[in-house]
Amino acid sequence: MTKPELKPGLTGERKTLVCEHNIAGHVDKFSTPSMISLMERAAIEAIQGCLDEGQTSVGYEVNVRHLASAEIGATITAHAELFEIDRNRLNFKVEAHEGERKIGEGTHRRAIINPGGQ
């Protein structure tokens, strides 16, 4: 069971600075895996306060396009919006921006689980 606050329209946001830890080394640009991770963390933030004690969510599908590169020193902001709930499955629209410029977009799916099996 989840809290009644869990409904479409919830949003989350996460930011990161592009640095040597999140670049694709062969091109010194923000890496696609780092962008996906930031999008997933934004989705987690959107729903974190709506889960019951003992619940968590796990990602099980990511479908994104990396549209543009970002240089070392850039600030990247990921946004996630919950747009559909099917039982324990949650569907999010995700985007990543460097300032006003969109560098990634797509969808992400998560499932609410009880890790203790209860």
C-alpha atoms as a PDB file:
ATOM      1  CA  MET A   1       0.000   0.000   0.000  1.00  0.00           C
ATOM      2  CA  THR A   2       1.171   3.544  -0.690  1.00  0.00           C
ATOM      3  CA  LYS A   3       0.126   6.917   0.602  1.00  0.00           C
ATOM      4  CA  PRO A   4      -2.734   8.703  -1.204  1.00  0.00           C
ATOM      5  CA  GLU A   5      -0.303  11.479  -2.168  1.00  0.00           C
ATOM      6  CA  LEU A   6       1.238   9.110  -4.742  1.00  0.00           C
ATOM      7  CA  LYS A   7      -0.463  10.301  -7.918  1.00  0.00           C
ATOM      8  CA  PRO A   8       0.384  11.496 -11.417  1.00  0.00           C
ATOM      9  CA  GLY A   9       1.875  14.958 -11.553  1.00  0.00           C
ATOM     10  CA  LEU A  10       4.515  14.464  -8.859  1.00  0.00           C
ATOM     11  CA  THR A  11       7.883  15.884  -9.882  1.00  0.00           C
ATOM     12  CA  GLY A  12      11.471  15.530  -8.785  1.00  0.00           C
ATOM     13  CA  GLU A  13      14.693  17.283  -9.670  1.00  0.00           C
ATOM     14  CA  ARG A  14      18.389  16.487  -9.235  1.00  0.00           C
ATOM     15  CA  LYS A  15      21.475  18.461 -10.255  1.00  0.00           C
ATOM     16  CA  THR A  16      25.104  17.606 -10.818  1.00  0.00           C
ATOM     17  CA  LEU A  17      28.260  19.319 -11.950  1.00  0.00           C
ATOM     18  CA  VAL A  18      30.035  17.751 -14.929  1.00  0.00           C
ATOM     19  CA  CYS A  19      33.485  16.679 -13.715  1.00  0.00           C
ATOM     20  CA  GLU A  20      36.077  13.962 -14.241  1.00  0.00           C
ATOM     21  CA  HIS A  21      33.853  11.475 -12.333  1.00  0.00           C
ATOM     22  CA  ASN A  22      30.868  11.586 -14.726  1.00  0.00           C
ATOM     23  CA  ILE A  23      32.356  12.058 -18.180  1.00  0.00           C
ATOM     24  CA  ALA A  24      32.922   9.709 -21.067  1.00  0.00           C
ATOM     25  CA  GLY A  25      36.710   9.701 -20.858  1.00  0.00           C
ATOM     26  CA  HIS A  26      37.374   9.364 -24.556  1.00  0.00           C
ATOM     27  CA  VAL A  27      35.566  12.661 -25.299  1.00  0.00           C
ATOM     28  CA  ASP A  28      35.591  14.524 -21.942  1.00  0.00           C
ATOM     29  CA  LYS A  29      31.809  15.139 -22.102  1.00  0.00           C
ATOM     30  CA  PHE A  30      28.945  14.261 -19.722  1.00  0.00           C
ATOM     31  CA  SER A  31      28.368  10.528 -20.163  1.00  0.00           C
ATOM     32  CA  THR A  32      25.088   8.873 -21.059  1.00  0.00           C
ATOM     33  CA  PRO A  33      25.206   6.518 -18.019  1.00  0.00           C
ATOM     34  CA  SER A  34      25.662   9.561 -15.763  1.00  0.00           C
ATOM     35  CA  MET A  35      22.699  11.305 -17.374  1.00  0.00           C
ATOM     36  CA  ILE A  36      20.524   8.216 -16.896  1.00  0.00           C
ATOM     37  CA  SER A  37      21.565   7.934 -13.251  1.00  0.00           C
ATOM     38  CA  LEU A  38      20.659  11.575 -12.647  1.00  0.00           C
ATOM     39  CA  MET A  39      17.249  11.042 -14.274  1.00  0.00           C
ATOM     40  CA  GLU A  40      16.630   7.987 -12.089  1.00  0.00           C
ATOM     41  CA  ARG A  41      17.527   9.934  -8.953  1.00  0.00           C
ATOM     42  CA  ALA A  42      15.068  12.686  -9.967  1.00  0.00           C
ATOM     43  CA  ALA A  43      12.325  10.048 -10.296  1.00  0.00           C
ATOM     44  CA  ILE A  44      13.176   8.631  -6.864  1.00  0.00           C
ATOM     45  CA  GLU A  45      12.991  12.113  -5.377  1.00  0.00           C
ATOM     46  CA  ALA A  46       9.542  12.669  -6.917  1.00  0.00           C
ATOM     47  CA  ILE A  47       8.008   9.780  -4.980  1.00  0.00           C
ATOM     48  CA  GLN A  48      10.216   9.391  -1.909  1.00  0.00           C
ATOM     49  CA  GLY A  49       7.801  11.056   0.502  1.00  0.00           C
ATOM     50  CA  CYS A  50       4.852   8.999  -0.760  1.00  0.00           C
ATOM     51  CA  LEU A  51       6.100   5.501   0.049  1.00  0.00           C
ATOM     52  CA  ASP A  52       5.095   3.651   3.178  1.00  0.00           C
ATOM     53  CA  GLU A  53       7.697   2.677   5.744  1.00  0.00           C
ATOM     54  CA  GLY A  54       9.740  -0.254   4.473  1.00  0.00           C
ATOM     55  CA  GLN A  55       8.941   0.390   0.818  1.00  0.00           C
ATOM     56  CA  THR A  56      11.414   1.419  -1.840  1.00  0.00           C
ATOM     57  CA  SER A  57      11.384   1.613  -5.618  1.00  0.00           C
ATOM     58  CA  VAL A  58      13.572  -0.057  -8.200  1.00  0.00           C
ATOM     59  CA  GLY A  59      14.099   0.953 -11.792  1.00  0.00           C
ATOM     60  CA  TYR A  60      13.306  -1.648 -14.414  1.00  0.00           C
ATOM     61  CA  GLU A  61      13.211   0.242 -17.708  1.00  0.00           C
ATOM     62  CA  VAL A  62      14.949   3.272 -19.167  1.00  0.00           C
ATOM     63  CA  ASN A  63      14.266   4.616 -22.647  1.00  0.00           C
ATOM     64  CA  VAL A  64      16.176   7.842 -23.222  1.00  0.00           C
ATOM     65  CA  ARG A  65      17.946   9.765 -25.946  1.00  0.00           C
ATOM     66  CA  HIS A  66      21.105  11.743 -25.250  1.00  0.00           C
ATOM     67  CA  LEU A  67      20.533  14.789 -27.469  1.00  0.00           C
ATOM     68  CA  ALA A  68      23.556  17.004 -26.840  1.00  0.00           C
ATOM     69  CA  SER A  69      26.909  17.004 -25.103  1.00  0.00           C
ATOM     70  CA  ALA A  70      27.889  18.984 -22.014  1.00  0.00           C
ATOM     71  CA  GLU A  71      31.373  20.184 -21.114  1.00  0.00           C
ATOM     72  CA  ILE A  72      33.280  19.780 -17.856  1.00  0.00           C
ATOM     73  CA  GLY A  73      32.098  22.529 -15.495  1.00  0.00           C
ATOM     74  CA  ALA A  74      28.494  22.557 -16.749  1.00  0.00           C
ATOM     75  CA  THR A  75      25.583  22.123 -14.330  1.00  0.00           C
ATOM     76  CA  ILE A  76      23.101  19.480 -15.433  1.00  0.00           C
ATOM     77  CA  THR A  77      19.549  19.398 -14.056  1.00  0.00           C
ATOM     78  CA  ALA A  78      17.359  16.324 -14.425  1.00  0.00           C
ATOM     79  CA  HIS A  79      13.569  16.522 -14.086  1.00  0.00           C
ATOM     80  CA  ALA A  80      11.167  13.625 -13.638  1.00  0.00           C
ATOM     81  CA  GLU A  81       7.382  13.730 -13.724  1.00  0.00           C
ATOM     82  CA  LEU A  82       5.196  10.809 -12.720  1.00  0.00           C
ATOM     83  CA  PHE A  83       2.566  10.435 -15.439  1.00  0.00           C
ATOM     84  CA  GLU A  84       1.071   6.965 -14.901  1.00  0.00           C
ATOM     85  CA  ILE A  85       0.538   4.457 -12.099  1.00  0.00           C
ATOM     86  CA  ASP A  86      -0.375   0.826 -12.745  1.00  0.00           C
ATOM     87  CA  ARG A  87      -0.624  -1.020  -9.415  1.00  0.00           C
ATOM     88  CA  ASN A  88       2.972  -0.865  -8.129  1.00  0.00           C
ATOM     89  CA  ARG A  89       4.464   0.264 -11.463  1.00  0.00           C
ATOM     90  CA  LEU A  90       5.280   3.918 -11.994  1.00  0.00           C
ATOM     91  CA  ASN A  91       5.957   5.631 -15.330  1.00  0.00           C
ATOM     92  CA  PHE A  92       7.947   8.856 -15.526  1.00  0.00           C
ATOM     93  CA  LYS A  93       8.765  11.390 -18.211  1.00  0.00           C
ATOM     94  CA  VAL A  94      12.402  12.411 -17.740  1.00  0.00           C
ATOM     95  CA  GLU A  95      14.513  15.234 -19.147  1.00  0.00           C
ATOM     96  CA  ALA A  96      18.005  16.606 -18.596  1.00  0.00           C
ATOM     97  CA  HIS A  97      19.033  20.217 -19.242  1.00  0.00           C
ATOM     98  CA  GLU A  98      22.142  22.320 -19.233  1.00  0.00           C
ATOM     99  CA  GLY A  99      20.579  25.676 -18.461  1.00  0.00           C
ATOM    100  CA  GLU A 100      17.741  26.107 -20.959  1.00  0.00           C
ATOM    101  CA  ARG A 101      19.233  23.610 -23.427  1.00  0.00           C
ATOM    102  CA  LYS A 102      17.708  20.136 -23.359  1.00  0.00           C
ATOM    103  CA  ILE A 103      20.433  17.479 -23.527  1.00  0.00           C
ATOM    104  CA  GLY A 104      18.329  14.360 -22.874  1.00  0.00           C
ATOM    105  CA  GLU A 105      14.746  13.113 -22.793  1.00  0.00           C
ATOM    106  CA  GLY A 106      12.751   9.936 -22.478  1.00  0.00           C
ATOM    107  CA  THR A 107      10.858   7.717 -20.070  1.00  0.00           C
ATOM    108  CA  HIS A 108      11.744   5.728 -16.989  1.00  0.00           C
ATOM    109  CA  ARG A 109       9.793   3.007 -15.176  1.00  0.00           C
ATOM    110  CA  ARG A 110      10.072   2.031 -11.532  1.00  0.00           C
ATOM    111  CA  ALA A 111       8.333  -0.540  -9.352  1.00  0.00           C
ATOM    112  CA  ILE A 112       7.459  -0.124  -5.686  1.00  0.00           C
ATOM    113  CA  ILE A 113       8.666  -3.086  -3.644  1.00  0.00           C
ATOM    114  CA  ASN A 114       8.897  -4.231  -0.043  1.00  0.00           C
ATOM    115  CA  PRO A 115      12.499  -5.478   0.253  1.00  0.00           C
ATOM    116  CA  GLY A 116      11.672  -7.462   3.387  1.00  0.00           C
ATOM    117  CA  GLY A 117       8.990  -9.387   1.479  1.00  0.00           C
ATOM    118  CA  GLN A 118       6.175  -8.257   3.759  1.00  0.00           C
END
